[in-house]
Amino acid sequence: MKIIKKILFIVLGCIALSLLVALFMPNNYAVEREIIINQPKDTVFNYLKFLKNQDEFSVWSKKDPDMKKSFSGTDGTIGAIAAWESQNEQVGKGEQEIKQIIEGERIDFELRFKIPFEANDNAYFTTEKITPNSTKVKWGFNGKMPYPMNLMLPIMNMDKMLGKDLQKGLENLKVILEK
């Protein structure tokens, strides 16, 4: 009986220590990738602002060709929404809304994930003229992991996990726009 009590106290102590550590850990994460595309900035920006175009380069859109997609609002403008629903757990269910457009410079999105988890995060594209015929595109993602789940942030390595998908999407974008 003493051994069981000691084990129980050790387990409870570990749980309490973990919860205490989680109080002092960050709960925000940010991931950003960039690429140079050999096209004028206006061409690149005008392609990026349309939600429907993301189906052509985003790796998440390609994970389930049978995913149900719907669009509302005027694509390429503030308030436009692209919704998706998939049986594939890597895709799940959610929607993306254009929240802000700084013409020629930046597009901000709100991502509302519903399945397999609920979360509201933010994403963005920025474009920067490098030369008259080349543009730097940045694709970023900002999210929050609530307490005590934030304890998993160092283990999950969001930069590595999301970063590879953002980079692959940018590489796909480059191929499409440089045709």
C-alpha atoms as a PDB file:
ATOM      1  CA  MET A   1       0.000   0.000   0.000  1.00  0.00           C
ATOM      2  CA  LYS A   2       2.892   2.405   0.741  1.00  0.00           C
ATOM      3  CA  ILE A   3       4.331   1.834  -2.716  1.00  0.00           C
ATOM      4  CA  ILE A   4       0.984   2.662  -4.352  1.00  0.00           C
ATOM      5  CA  LYS A   5       0.741   5.885  -2.317  1.00  0.00           C
ATOM      6  CA  LYS A   6       4.301   6.875  -3.282  1.00  0.00           C
ATOM      7  CA  ILE A   7       3.569   6.206  -6.955  1.00  0.00           C
ATOM      8  CA  LEU A   8       0.344   8.201  -6.708  1.00  0.00           C
ATOM      9  CA  PHE A   9       2.152  11.153  -5.058  1.00  0.00           C
ATOM     10  CA  ILE A  10       4.886  11.045  -7.719  1.00  0.00           C
ATOM     11  CA  VAL A  11       2.315  11.021 -10.526  1.00  0.00           C
ATOM     12  CA  LEU A  12       0.328  13.858  -8.940  1.00  0.00           C
ATOM     13  CA  GLY A  13       3.547  15.792  -8.348  1.00  0.00           C
ATOM     14  CA  CYS A  14       4.531  15.429 -12.008  1.00  0.00           C
ATOM     15  CA  ILE A  15       1.110  16.593 -13.137  1.00  0.00           C
ATOM     16  CA  ALA A  16       1.189  19.585 -10.770  1.00  0.00           C
ATOM     17  CA  LEU A  17       4.722  20.497 -11.893  1.00  0.00           C
ATOM     18  CA  SER A  18       3.688  20.265 -15.555  1.00  0.00           C
ATOM     19  CA  LEU A  19       0.701  22.529 -14.976  1.00  0.00           C
ATOM     20  CA  LEU A  20       2.895  25.015 -13.138  1.00  0.00           C
ATOM     21  CA  VAL A  21       5.473  25.038 -15.937  1.00  0.00           C
ATOM     22  CA  ALA A  22       2.695  25.553 -18.513  1.00  0.00           C
ATOM     23  CA  LEU A  23       1.675  28.755 -16.692  1.00  0.00           C
ATOM     24  CA  PHE A  24       5.021  30.331 -17.596  1.00  0.00           C
ATOM     25  CA  MET A  25       5.360  28.998 -21.138  1.00  0.00           C
ATOM     26  CA  PRO A  26       4.308  30.985 -24.196  1.00  0.00           C
ATOM     27  CA  ASN A  27       1.013  30.029 -25.780  1.00  0.00           C
ATOM     28  CA  ASN A  28       1.552  31.842 -29.099  1.00  0.00           C
ATOM     29  CA  TYR A  29       3.439  30.583 -32.099  1.00  0.00           C
ATOM     30  CA  ALA A  30       4.338  32.086 -35.446  1.00  0.00           C
ATOM     31  CA  VAL A  31       5.541  30.385 -38.606  1.00  0.00           C
ATOM     32  CA  GLU A  32       6.639  32.182 -41.764  1.00  0.00           C
ATOM     33  CA  ARG A  33       8.221  31.116 -45.028  1.00  0.00           C
ATOM     34  CA  GLU A  34       9.191  33.095 -48.128  1.00  0.00           C
ATOM     35  CA  ILE A  35      10.100  32.607 -51.758  1.00  0.00           C
ATOM     36  CA  ILE A  36      11.094  34.745 -54.736  1.00  0.00           C
ATOM     37  CA  ILE A  37       8.751  34.493 -57.728  1.00  0.00           C
ATOM     38  CA  ASN A  38       9.870  35.745 -61.118  1.00  0.00           C
ATOM     39  CA  GLN A  39       6.775  37.791 -61.863  1.00  0.00           C
ATOM     40  CA  PRO A  40       5.830  41.438 -61.240  1.00  0.00           C
ATOM     41  CA  LYS A  41       4.432  42.209 -57.800  1.00  0.00           C
ATOM     42  CA  ASP A  42       0.967  43.148 -59.106  1.00  0.00           C
ATOM     43  CA  THR A  43       0.639  39.823 -60.948  1.00  0.00           C
ATOM     44  CA  VAL A  44       1.572  37.871 -57.834  1.00  0.00           C
ATOM     45  CA  PHE A  45      -0.611  39.900 -55.467  1.00  0.00           C
ATOM     46  CA  ASN A  46      -3.655  39.759 -57.743  1.00  0.00           C
ATOM     47  CA  TYR A  47      -3.352  35.967 -57.894  1.00  0.00           C
ATOM     48  CA  LEU A  48      -2.886  35.553 -54.128  1.00  0.00           C
ATOM     49  CA  LYS A  49      -5.899  37.577 -53.054  1.00  0.00           C
ATOM     50  CA  PHE A  50      -8.384  35.086 -54.523  1.00  0.00           C
ATOM     51  CA  LEU A  51      -9.267  32.283 -52.116  1.00  0.00           C
ATOM     52  CA  LYS A  52     -10.139  29.922 -54.964  1.00  0.00           C
ATOM     53  CA  ASN A  53      -6.558  30.154 -56.258  1.00  0.00           C
ATOM     54  CA  GLN A  54      -5.253  28.638 -53.020  1.00  0.00           C
ATOM     55  CA  ASP A  55      -6.725  25.313 -54.149  1.00  0.00           C
ATOM     56  CA  GLU A  56      -4.078  25.320 -56.883  1.00  0.00           C
ATOM     57  CA  PHE A  57      -1.014  25.633 -54.634  1.00  0.00           C
ATOM     58  CA  SER A  58      -1.907  24.874 -51.004  1.00  0.00           C
ATOM     59  CA  VAL A  59      -0.780  21.426 -49.830  1.00  0.00           C
ATOM     60  CA  TRP A  60      -3.842  21.166 -47.589  1.00  0.00           C
ATOM     61  CA  SER A  61      -6.172  21.463 -50.575  1.00  0.00           C
ATOM     62  CA  LYS A  62      -4.315  18.645 -52.292  1.00  0.00           C
ATOM     63  CA  LYS A  63      -4.520  16.222 -49.334  1.00  0.00           C
ATOM     64  CA  ASP A  64      -8.140  15.368 -50.153  1.00  0.00           C
ATOM     65  CA  PRO A  65      -9.324  15.770 -53.750  1.00  0.00           C
ATOM     66  CA  ASP A  66     -12.840  14.798 -52.601  1.00  0.00           C
ATOM     67  CA  MET A  67     -13.087  17.564 -50.003  1.00  0.00           C
ATOM     68  CA  LYS A  68     -16.285  19.611 -50.131  1.00  0.00           C
ATOM     69  CA  LYS A  69     -15.586  23.298 -50.738  1.00  0.00           C
ATOM     70  CA  SER A  70     -17.925  26.270 -50.655  1.00  0.00           C
ATOM     71  CA  PHE A  71     -17.388  29.979 -51.140  1.00  0.00           C
ATOM     72  CA  SER A  72     -19.400  32.966 -49.997  1.00  0.00           C
ATOM     73  CA  GLY A  73     -18.968  36.666 -50.531  1.00  0.00           C
ATOM     74  CA  THR A  74     -16.996  38.186 -53.382  1.00  0.00           C
ATOM     75  CA  ASP A  75     -13.713  36.313 -53.761  1.00  0.00           C
ATOM     76  CA  GLY A  76     -10.688  38.579 -53.523  1.00  0.00           C
ATOM     77  CA  THR A  77     -12.423  41.071 -51.219  1.00  0.00           C
ATOM     78  CA  ILE A  78     -12.743  41.541 -47.470  1.00  0.00           C
ATOM     79  CA  GLY A  79     -15.406  39.235 -46.066  1.00  0.00           C
ATOM     80  CA  ALA A  80     -15.008  36.485 -48.681  1.00  0.00           C
ATOM     81  CA  ILE A  81     -15.080  33.041 -47.068  1.00  0.00           C
ATOM     82  CA  ALA A  82     -13.834  29.676 -48.274  1.00  0.00           C
ATOM     83  CA  ALA A  83     -15.165  26.724 -46.270  1.00  0.00           C
ATOM     84  CA  TRP A  84     -13.991  23.124 -46.447  1.00  0.00           C
ATOM     85  CA  GLU A  85     -15.089  19.775 -45.106  1.00  0.00           C
ATOM     86  CA  SER A  86     -13.142  16.543 -45.397  1.00  0.00           C
ATOM     87  CA  GLN A  87     -13.183  13.069 -43.913  1.00  0.00           C
ATOM     88  CA  ASN A  88      -9.363  13.225 -43.913  1.00  0.00           C
ATOM     89  CA  GLU A  89      -8.256  14.126 -40.355  1.00  0.00           C
ATOM     90  CA  GLN A  90      -5.318  16.143 -41.722  1.00  0.00           C
ATOM     91  CA  VAL A  91      -7.796  18.425 -43.476  1.00  0.00           C
ATOM     92  CA  GLY A  92     -10.900  18.324 -41.258  1.00  0.00           C
ATOM     93  CA  LYS A  93     -13.525  21.032 -41.356  1.00  0.00           C
ATOM     94  CA  GLY A  94     -13.232  24.794 -41.161  1.00  0.00           C
ATOM     95  CA  GLU A  95     -13.283  28.074 -42.996  1.00  0.00           C
ATOM     96  CA  GLN A  96     -11.027  30.935 -43.984  1.00  0.00           C
ATOM     97  CA  GLU A  97     -12.129  34.560 -44.250  1.00  0.00           C
ATOM     98  CA  ILE A  98     -10.325  37.500 -45.809  1.00  0.00           C
ATOM     99  CA  LYS A  99     -10.156  40.039 -42.975  1.00  0.00           C
ATOM    100  CA  GLN A 100      -7.938  42.765 -44.439  1.00  0.00           C
ATOM    101  CA  ILE A 101      -6.358  43.674 -47.754  1.00  0.00           C
ATOM    102  CA  ILE A 102      -3.661  46.295 -48.090  1.00  0.00           C
ATOM    103  CA  GLU A 103      -3.699  46.503 -51.869  1.00  0.00           C
ATOM    104  CA  GLY A 104      -0.472  45.270 -53.422  1.00  0.00           C
ATOM    105  CA  GLU A 105       1.112  44.616 -50.020  1.00  0.00           C
ATOM    106  CA  ARG A 106      -0.690  42.252 -47.656  1.00  0.00           C
ATOM    107  CA  ILE A 107      -3.715  39.975 -47.267  1.00  0.00           C
ATOM    108  CA  ASP A 108      -4.835  38.855 -43.783  1.00  0.00           C
ATOM    109  CA  PHE A 109      -7.039  35.832 -43.145  1.00  0.00           C
ATOM    110  CA  GLU A 110      -8.833  34.421 -40.140  1.00  0.00           C
ATOM    111  CA  LEU A 111      -8.816  30.622 -40.037  1.00  0.00           C
ATOM    112  CA  ARG A 112     -11.599  28.981 -38.077  1.00  0.00           C
ATOM    113  CA  PHE A 113     -10.903  25.297 -37.550  1.00  0.00           C
ATOM    114  CA  LYS A 114     -13.823  23.151 -36.389  1.00  0.00           C
ATOM    115  CA  ILE A 115     -12.712  19.514 -36.835  1.00  0.00           C
ATOM    116  CA  PRO A 116     -10.514  17.690 -35.713  1.00  0.00           C
ATOM    117  CA  PHE A 117     -10.001  20.535 -33.187  1.00  0.00           C
ATOM    118  CA  GLU A 118     -11.475  23.967 -32.621  1.00  0.00           C
ATOM    119  CA  ALA A 119      -9.232  26.974 -33.011  1.00  0.00           C
ATOM    120  CA  ASN A 120      -9.167  30.465 -34.475  1.00  0.00           C
ATOM    121  CA  ASP A 121      -5.823  31.432 -35.960  1.00  0.00           C
ATOM    122  CA  ASN A 122      -4.516  33.989 -38.427  1.00  0.00           C
ATOM    123  CA  ALA A 123      -2.602  33.715 -41.675  1.00  0.00           C
ATOM    124  CA  TYR A 124      -1.267  36.241 -44.162  1.00  0.00           C
ATOM    125  CA  PHE A 125       0.512  36.785 -47.447  1.00  0.00           C
ATOM    126  CA  THR A 126       2.817  39.715 -48.086  1.00  0.00           C
ATOM    127  CA  THR A 127       4.377  40.742 -51.383  1.00  0.00           C
ATOM    128  CA  GLU A 128       7.505  42.812 -51.824  1.00  0.00           C
ATOM    129  CA  LYS A 129       8.978  44.044 -55.108  1.00  0.00           C
ATOM    130  CA  ILE A 130      12.561  42.843 -55.525  1.00  0.00           C
ATOM    131  CA  THR A 131      12.989  43.922 -59.165  1.00  0.00           C
ATOM    132  CA  PRO A 132      10.382  44.946 -61.734  1.00  0.00           C
ATOM    133  CA  ASN A 133       9.958  41.247 -62.593  1.00  0.00           C
ATOM    134  CA  SER A 134      10.556  39.492 -59.272  1.00  0.00           C
ATOM    135  CA  THR A 135       8.552  39.464 -56.059  1.00  0.00           C
ATOM    136  CA  LYS A 136       9.239  38.156 -52.577  1.00  0.00           C
ATOM    137  CA  VAL A 137       6.183  36.381 -51.168  1.00  0.00           C
ATOM    138  CA  LYS A 138       5.878  35.640 -47.471  1.00  0.00           C
ATOM    139  CA  TRP A 139       3.258  33.241 -46.142  1.00  0.00           C
ATOM    140  CA  GLY A 140       2.761  33.359 -42.403  1.00  0.00           C
ATOM    141  CA  PHE A 141       0.635  31.703 -39.777  1.00  0.00           C
ATOM    142  CA  ASN A 142       0.013  32.881 -36.199  1.00  0.00           C
ATOM    143  CA  GLY A 143      -1.755  30.747 -33.657  1.00  0.00           C
ATOM    144  CA  LYS A 144      -2.428  30.176 -29.996  1.00  0.00           C
ATOM    145  CA  MET A 145      -2.395  27.030 -27.962  1.00  0.00           C
ATOM    146  CA  PRO A 146      -4.468  27.447 -24.788  1.00  0.00           C
ATOM    147  CA  TYR A 147      -3.278  26.508 -21.295  1.00  0.00           C
ATOM    148  CA  PRO A 148      -2.370  23.746 -20.441  1.00  0.00           C
ATOM    149  CA  MET A 149      -2.016  22.485 -24.033  1.00  0.00           C
ATOM    150  CA  ASN A 150       0.718  25.093 -24.552  1.00  0.00           C
ATOM    151  CA  LEU A 151       2.978  22.662 -22.687  1.00  0.00           C
ATOM    152  CA  MET A 152       3.096  20.695 -25.950  1.00  0.00           C
ATOM    153  CA  LEU A 153       4.405  23.577 -28.102  1.00  0.00           C
ATOM    154  CA  PRO A 154       8.103  22.694 -27.709  1.00  0.00           C
ATOM    155  CA  ILE A 155       7.359  19.047 -28.442  1.00  0.00           C
ATOM    156  CA  MET A 156       5.180  19.731 -31.493  1.00  0.00           C
ATOM    157  CA  ASN A 157       7.645  22.193 -33.083  1.00  0.00           C
ATOM    158  CA  MET A 158       5.024  24.164 -34.990  1.00  0.00           C
ATOM    159  CA  ASP A 159       7.688  25.917 -37.066  1.00  0.00           C
ATOM    160  CA  LYS A 160       8.883  22.620 -38.478  1.00  0.00           C
ATOM    161  CA  MET A 161       5.430  21.045 -38.730  1.00  0.00           C
ATOM    162  CA  LEU A 162       3.628  23.956 -40.446  1.00  0.00           C
ATOM    163  CA  GLY A 163       6.716  25.416 -42.075  1.00  0.00           C
ATOM    164  CA  LYS A 164       7.229  22.500 -44.446  1.00  0.00           C
ATOM    165  CA  ASP A 165       3.631  22.811 -45.681  1.00  0.00           C
ATOM    166  CA  LEU A 166       3.929  26.573 -46.140  1.00  0.00           C
ATOM    167  CA  GLN A 167       7.219  26.147 -48.022  1.00  0.00           C
ATOM    168  CA  LYS A 168       5.808  23.430 -50.292  1.00  0.00           C
ATOM    169  CA  GLY A 169       2.779  25.634 -50.986  1.00  0.00           C
ATOM    170  CA  LEU A 170       5.058  28.543 -51.925  1.00  0.00           C
ATOM    171  CA  GLU A 171       7.068  26.266 -54.211  1.00  0.00           C
ATOM    172  CA  ASN A 172       3.815  25.165 -55.883  1.00  0.00           C
ATOM    173  CA  LEU A 173       2.830  28.825 -56.230  1.00  0.00           C
ATOM    174  CA  LYS A 174       6.156  29.646 -57.890  1.00  0.00           C
ATOM    175  CA  VAL A 175       5.689  26.864 -60.461  1.00  0.00           C
ATOM    176  CA  ILE A 176       2.151  28.068 -61.280  1.00  0.00           C
ATOM    177  CA  LEU A 177       3.032  31.746 -61.621  1.00  0.00           C
ATOM    178  CA  GLU A 178       6.259  31.239 -63.551  1.00  0.00           C
ATOM    179  CA  LYS A 179       4.652  29.126 -66.313  1.00  0.00           C
END
